[in-house]
Amino acid sequence: MQSAMAAPTRPHSIKAIIEADPGALVRVLQFFQTRNVVPRRVNASRLGSEFLEAHIEIDAAELGLEGLRVVAAKIEQLPITMAVVICD
């Protein structure tokens, strides 16, 4: 008998290089909050004294690739953002 459970999907993720501003990470995460999406994992690492690398992992079932592209475009528009990439 076969299981009716679907195979787990790979998560989507975004990496962003942002200024090391005290509110920068919150500003990036707000775009997920407005879509009622809680990231699976958030990791931020300091790159010297001026920048952060934020890695945000999202369940594909919660936000599709097209929605992730919209979020990435919005993050890229922030004045604190140096670069954004979708990792797949």
Protein backbone atom coordinates (compact mmCIF):
# COMPACT_ATOMS: atom_id res chain seq x y z
CA MET A 1 0.00 0.00 0.00
CA GLN A 2 1.41 3.38 -1.02
CA SER A 3 1.46 6.33 1.31
CA ALA A 4 -0.67 9.35 0.43
CA MET A 5 2.01 11.65 1.84
CA ALA A 6 3.68 13.93 -0.68
CA ALA A 7 7.44 13.99 -0.98
CA PRO A 8 9.03 16.83 0.98
CA THR A 9 9.88 19.85 -1.15
CA ARG A 10 13.22 21.58 -1.12
CA PRO A 11 13.12 24.96 0.57
CA HIS A 12 13.75 28.18 -1.33
CA SER A 13 16.28 30.64 0.01
CA ILE A 14 17.48 34.19 -0.45
CA LYS A 15 20.88 35.62 0.39
CA ALA A 16 21.24 39.36 0.79
CA ILE A 17 24.20 41.58 1.55
CA ILE A 18 22.92 44.47 3.63
CA GLU A 19 24.37 47.26 5.71
CA ALA A 20 25.12 46.35 9.33
CA ASP A 21 22.42 48.71 10.56
CA PRO A 22 20.56 47.79 13.78
CA GLY A 23 17.21 47.62 11.95
CA ALA A 24 18.42 46.14 8.66
CA LEU A 25 17.49 42.52 9.31
CA VAL A 26 14.00 43.47 10.47
CA ARG A 27 13.48 45.56 7.32
CA VAL A 28 14.42 42.58 5.16
CA LEU A 29 12.14 40.19 7.09
CA GLN A 30 9.14 42.54 6.90
CA PHE A 31 8.49 41.45 3.31
CA PHE A 32 7.88 37.89 4.49
CA GLN A 33 5.66 39.12 7.34
CA THR A 34 3.42 41.03 4.93
CA ARG A 35 2.84 37.73 3.09
CA ASN A 36 2.13 35.91 6.36
CA VAL A 37 5.18 33.66 5.87
CA VAL A 38 7.42 32.56 8.72
CA PRO A 39 10.90 31.64 7.45
CA ARG A 40 12.12 28.12 8.17
CA ARG A 41 15.56 29.51 9.07
CA VAL A 42 17.24 32.92 9.26
CA ASN A 43 20.99 33.27 9.56
CA ALA A 44 22.91 36.54 9.61
CA SER A 45 26.70 36.78 9.57
CA ARG A 46 28.81 39.88 9.89
CA LEU A 47 31.04 40.77 6.92
CA GLY A 48 33.52 43.15 8.46
CA SER A 49 32.17 46.14 10.32
CA GLU A 50 29.92 47.53 7.59
CA PHE A 51 27.86 44.64 6.17
CA LEU A 52 25.76 41.58 7.01
CA GLU A 53 25.05 38.51 4.92
CA ALA A 54 21.47 37.41 5.58
CA HIS A 55 20.41 33.92 4.51
CA ILE A 56 16.66 33.29 4.69
CA GLU A 57 15.18 29.85 4.03
CA ILE A 58 11.49 29.48 3.15
CA ASP A 59 9.32 26.38 2.73
CA ALA A 60 8.35 26.15 -0.95
CA ALA A 61 4.79 25.25 0.06
CA GLU A 62 4.42 28.60 1.87
CA LEU A 63 5.88 30.85 -0.82
CA GLY A 64 6.43 29.82 -4.41
CA LEU A 65 9.36 30.81 -6.55
CA GLU A 66 7.46 33.66 -8.21
CA GLY A 67 6.52 35.10 -4.81
CA LEU A 68 10.13 34.77 -3.72
CA ARG A 69 11.22 36.74 -6.80
CA VAL A 70 8.83 39.53 -5.81
CA VAL A 71 10.24 39.56 -2.26
CA ALA A 72 13.81 39.60 -3.61
CA ALA A 73 12.97 42.58 -5.85
CA LYS A 74 11.52 44.46 -2.88
CA ILE A 75 14.56 43.70 -0.72
CA GLU A 76 16.79 44.91 -3.54
CA GLN A 77 14.97 48.27 -3.54
CA LEU A 78 15.90 48.96 0.09
CA PRO A 79 18.66 51.58 0.39
CA ILE A 80 20.51 49.29 2.85
CA THR A 81 20.83 46.47 0.29
CA MET A 82 24.02 45.86 -1.66
CA ALA A 83 22.96 42.61 -3.41
CA VAL A 84 20.25 39.93 -3.36
CA VAL A 85 20.27 36.44 -4.91
CA ILE A 86 17.77 33.59 -4.92
CA CYS A 87 19.52 30.32 -4.15
CA ASP A 88 18.01 27.21 -5.67
